Amino acid sequence: MGFKAGQFCCNSERYKRRASATLLQRQDSEMIDLDNESEALDHYQVNLPAYHLPSCQLRIPRQALEMTLELFRSYSKRKLEACCFWYGLRDESGGGQVRAIVIPKQQNTWGNYTVTADTMADVANHTRCHGWRNLSQVHTHPGRSVRHSWYDDENANSQKALSIIIPNYGVWKEVWPRGIGIHEYQNSYWHLLTDKDAAQRTAIVTSKQPIMVDLR
């Protein structure tokens, strides 16, 4: 549920209203919590834009994943959400390989985190000279839910990067990508990929250890 700099407005409110309207029509026959937006969308399968799996792939060195989980471990002990960015060189297909884990200065609470515009400018200053691009933003959620919150939808750092959510404050021990929320922005909507699509869109690879850029 993070607050992130560089707000990009999407059409998620349109789908929220559509789901809510459907729920109101059904409220006499079923007791559903109207405030639970994610369950509303899951339960009624409103007409969301279709997701089309691209041919490009995000390649994640195994050590990058391990370093990211280790980073989040320090926050999970305090039950705080946290974030980092995976930067690297984007290839011609639109994919790329993670070369650096960038940790921005951030304010963390149990249910969200804040990264300011000034901090993102600092991130750009440290990555632009290498020609790196933001390949994915990565953050944690408190429980098992890995679907984007509305804050995540509207405040994502970049619509050109993937958005990855790790559950349980980053305490995760499954086989990639099981249990991970991998989102991609298409047609004005952040799509939560199925495990099948996520396994094709991303891959854990054996490669050179990425560097850690800690800007906290």
Protein backbone atom coordinates (compact mmCIF):
# COMPACT_ATOMS: atom_id res chain seq x y z
CA MET A 1 0.00 0.00 0.00
CA GLY A 2 2.76 2.49 -0.54
CA PHE A 3 2.65 6.18 -1.27
CA LYS A 4 5.19 6.79 -4.01
CA ALA A 5 6.38 9.91 -5.76
CA GLY A 6 5.44 10.78 -9.31
CA GLN A 7 1.70 10.29 -9.26
CA PHE A 8 0.10 8.85 -12.36
CA CYS A 9 -3.69 8.96 -12.50
CA CYS A 10 -5.36 5.90 -14.01
CA ASN A 11 -8.92 4.85 -14.64
CA SER A 12 -9.16 2.53 -11.64
CA GLU A 13 -11.97 4.61 -10.12
CA ARG A 14 -14.12 3.71 -13.13
CA TYR A 15 -13.78 0.02 -12.33
CA LYS A 16 -14.25 0.66 -8.62
CA ARG A 17 -17.55 2.42 -9.29
CA ARG A 18 -18.62 -0.36 -11.64
CA ALA A 19 -17.88 -3.02 -9.02
CA SER A 20 -19.64 -1.02 -6.31
CA ALA A 21 -22.73 -0.58 -8.49
CA THR A 22 -22.85 -4.31 -9.11
CA LEU A 23 -22.56 -4.97 -5.39
CA LEU A 24 -25.38 -2.56 -4.59
CA GLN A 25 -27.60 -4.45 -7.01
CA ARG A 26 -26.79 -7.71 -5.24
CA GLN A 27 -26.78 -6.54 -1.62
CA ASP A 28 -30.25 -8.00 -0.87
CA SER A 29 -29.14 -11.54 -1.71
CA GLU A 30 -25.54 -11.53 -0.48
CA MET A 31 -23.75 -9.86 2.39
CA ILE A 32 -20.50 -8.49 0.93
CA ASP A 33 -18.32 -5.80 2.50
CA LEU A 34 -18.59 -2.86 0.10
CA ASP A 35 -15.40 -1.37 1.51
CA ASN A 36 -13.38 -4.40 0.45
CA GLU A 37 -12.60 -3.25 -3.07
CA SER A 38 -10.28 -6.11 -3.96
CA GLU A 39 -12.84 -8.76 -2.99
CA ALA A 40 -15.48 -6.86 -4.93
CA LEU A 41 -13.45 -7.08 -8.11
CA ASP A 42 -12.56 -10.72 -7.51
CA HIS A 43 -16.12 -11.71 -6.66
CA TYR A 44 -17.92 -10.10 -9.57
CA GLN A 45 -15.22 -10.08 -12.27
CA VAL A 46 -16.18 -6.69 -13.65
CA ASN A 47 -15.21 -5.97 -17.24
CA LEU A 48 -11.59 -5.07 -16.76
CA PRO A 49 -9.28 -4.43 -19.72
CA ALA A 50 -7.69 -7.60 -21.07
CA TYR A 51 -4.04 -8.26 -20.25
CA HIS A 52 -1.75 -9.20 -23.14
CA LEU A 53 1.46 -10.96 -22.16
CA PRO A 54 4.38 -9.23 -23.93
CA SER A 55 7.36 -11.11 -25.31
CA CYS A 56 9.85 -9.22 -23.12
CA GLN A 57 11.10 -10.61 -19.82
CA LEU A 58 12.46 -9.17 -16.60
CA ARG A 59 15.50 -11.24 -15.59
CA ILE A 60 16.15 -11.22 -11.85
CA PRO A 61 19.50 -12.52 -10.58
CA ARG A 62 18.89 -14.90 -7.70
CA GLN A 63 21.16 -12.78 -5.52
CA ALA A 64 19.03 -9.72 -6.27
CA LEU A 65 16.01 -11.49 -4.86
CA GLU A 66 17.96 -12.70 -1.84
CA MET A 67 19.37 -9.23 -1.16
CA THR A 68 15.90 -7.71 -1.45
CA LEU A 69 14.40 -10.19 1.02
CA GLU A 70 17.26 -9.51 3.41
CA LEU A 71 16.59 -5.78 3.14
CA PHE A 72 12.91 -6.27 3.96
CA ARG A 73 13.73 -8.55 6.89
CA SER A 74 14.91 -5.59 8.95
CA TYR A 75 11.56 -3.86 8.36
CA SER A 76 9.46 -6.98 8.92
CA LYS A 77 10.84 -7.34 12.45
CA ARG A 78 9.27 -3.95 13.18
CA LYS A 79 6.14 -4.74 11.12
CA LEU A 80 6.72 -1.91 8.66
CA GLU A 81 6.03 -1.72 4.95
CA ALA A 82 9.10 -0.90 2.86
CA CYS A 83 10.18 -0.46 -0.74
CA CYS A 84 13.12 -0.58 -3.11
CA PHE A 85 13.63 -0.33 -6.86
CA TRP A 86 15.24 -2.77 -9.27
CA TYR A 87 17.26 -0.87 -11.86
CA GLY A 88 19.09 -2.13 -14.91
CA LEU A 89 19.57 -1.77 -18.66
CA ARG A 90 16.39 -2.12 -20.69
CA ASP A 91 16.84 -4.20 -23.85
CA GLU A 92 15.24 -3.66 -27.27
CA SER A 93 12.33 -5.96 -26.49
CA GLY A 94 11.40 -3.89 -23.45
CA GLY A 95 12.73 -6.37 -20.92
CA GLY A 96 15.98 -6.20 -19.03
CA GLN A 97 18.15 -7.57 -16.26
CA VAL A 98 18.38 -6.22 -12.74
CA ARG A 99 21.81 -4.65 -12.15
CA ALA A 100 21.15 -2.65 -8.98
CA ILE A 101 18.88 -2.61 -5.95
CA VAL A 102 18.18 1.02 -5.11
CA ILE A 103 16.89 1.77 -1.60
CA PRO A 104 15.37 5.24 -1.40
CA LYS A 105 15.01 7.33 1.70
CA GLN A 106 11.52 6.51 2.94
CA GLN A 107 9.07 6.94 5.78
CA ASN A 108 7.62 3.61 6.88
CA THR A 109 4.49 2.67 8.81
CA TRP A 110 2.67 -0.61 9.37
CA GLY A 111 0.37 -0.01 6.38
CA ASN A 112 2.21 2.25 3.95
CA TYR A 113 5.43 4.06 3.17
CA THR A 114 6.31 7.44 1.70
CA VAL A 115 8.96 8.33 -0.88
CA THR A 116 9.12 12.03 -1.70
CA ALA A 117 9.69 13.70 -5.06
CA ASP A 118 13.04 15.03 -3.82
CA THR A 119 14.08 11.50 -2.95
CA MET A 120 13.14 10.26 -6.42
CA ALA A 121 15.27 13.07 -7.89
CA ASP A 122 18.15 11.73 -5.80
CA VAL A 123 17.49 8.22 -7.13
CA ALA A 124 17.60 9.58 -10.69
CA ASN A 125 20.91 11.32 -10.01
CA HIS A 126 22.49 8.06 -8.85
CA THR A 127 21.14 5.88 -11.67
CA ARG A 128 21.10 8.06 -14.77
CA CYS A 129 24.89 8.10 -15.12
CA HIS A 130 24.87 4.29 -15.54
CA GLY A 131 22.13 4.36 -18.15
CA TRP A 132 19.93 2.31 -15.83
CA ARG A 133 16.16 2.30 -16.05
CA ASN A 134 13.63 1.48 -13.39
CA LEU A 135 12.66 -2.08 -14.29
CA SER A 136 10.49 -2.75 -11.26
CA GLN A 137 9.35 -1.16 -8.05
CA VAL A 138 9.21 -3.65 -5.20
CA HIS A 139 7.39 -3.22 -1.93
CA THR A 140 5.80 -5.23 0.85
CA HIS A 141 2.28 -5.65 2.19
CA PRO A 142 1.39 -6.54 5.79
CA GLY A 143 -0.62 -9.72 5.12
CA ARG A 144 -1.05 -12.27 2.37
CA SER A 145 -2.79 -9.96 -0.09
CA VAL A 146 -0.52 -8.96 -2.97
CA ARG A 147 -3.03 -7.06 -5.05
CA HIS A 148 -2.37 -3.36 -5.67
CA SER A 149 -4.25 -1.10 -3.31
CA TRP A 150 -5.86 2.02 -4.78
CA TYR A 151 -2.94 4.00 -3.43
CA ASP A 152 -0.58 1.65 -5.28
CA ASP A 153 -2.53 2.10 -8.51
CA GLU A 154 -2.55 5.85 -8.44
CA ASN A 155 0.87 6.56 -6.91
CA ALA A 156 3.08 4.03 -8.67
CA ASN A 157 6.52 5.43 -9.41
CA SER A 158 6.45 4.42 -13.08
CA GLN A 159 3.88 2.93 -15.42
CA LYS A 160 6.72 1.58 -17.59
CA ALA A 161 8.11 -0.57 -14.79
CA LEU A 162 6.62 -3.68 -13.25
CA SER A 163 5.26 -3.39 -9.73
CA ILE A 164 6.03 -6.30 -7.44
CA ILE A 165 4.46 -6.88 -4.03
CA ILE A 166 5.88 -9.32 -1.49
CA PRO A 167 3.46 -10.45 1.26
CA ASN A 168 3.91 -10.65 5.03
CA TYR A 169 6.27 -7.67 5.19
CA GLY A 170 8.68 -9.51 2.90
CA VAL A 171 8.81 -12.81 4.78
CA TRP A 172 8.41 -15.14 1.80
CA LYS A 173 9.81 -18.65 1.23
CA GLU A 174 7.93 -19.98 -1.79
CA VAL A 175 9.17 -20.82 -5.28
CA TRP A 176 9.14 -17.79 -7.58
CA PRO A 177 6.63 -16.38 -8.45
CA ARG A 178 4.17 -18.25 -6.22
CA GLY A 179 2.62 -15.92 -3.67
CA ILE A 180 4.18 -12.82 -5.22
CA GLY A 181 2.05 -10.04 -6.71
CA ILE A 182 3.49 -9.04 -10.08
CA HIS A 183 1.62 -6.17 -11.74
CA GLU A 184 1.94 -4.63 -15.17
CA TYR A 185 0.29 -1.44 -16.43
CA GLN A 186 -1.70 -1.84 -19.64
CA ASN A 187 -4.74 -0.04 -21.01
CA SER A 188 -4.95 2.36 -18.07
CA TYR A 189 -5.05 -0.47 -15.53
CA TRP A 190 -2.58 -2.24 -13.24
CA HIS A 191 -3.03 -5.95 -13.95
CA LEU A 192 -2.18 -8.56 -11.33
CA LEU A 193 -0.57 -11.35 -13.36
CA THR A 194 -1.48 -14.98 -12.91
CA ASP A 195 1.32 -17.26 -11.76
CA LYS A 196 1.55 -18.64 -15.31
CA ASP A 197 1.93 -15.19 -16.87
CA ALA A 198 4.25 -14.02 -14.09
CA ALA A 199 6.54 -17.00 -14.69
CA GLN A 200 6.88 -16.00 -18.35
CA ARG A 201 7.10 -12.25 -17.76
CA THR A 202 9.85 -12.66 -15.13
CA ALA A 203 12.61 -15.18 -14.53
CA ILE A 204 15.11 -15.89 -11.77
CA VAL A 205 18.55 -16.29 -13.34
CA THR A 206 22.08 -17.08 -12.27
CA SER A 207 24.18 -14.02 -12.96
CA LYS A 208 26.60 -11.50 -11.56
CA GLN A 209 25.66 -10.11 -8.17
CA PRO A 210 23.88 -6.74 -8.46
CA ILE A 211 25.07 -3.76 -6.51
CA MET A 212 23.22 -2.19 -3.62
CA VAL A 213 22.65 1.57 -3.77
CA ASP A 214 21.48 2.63 -0.31
CA LEU A 215 20.23 6.22 -0.26
CA ARG A 216 18.59 6.16 3.16
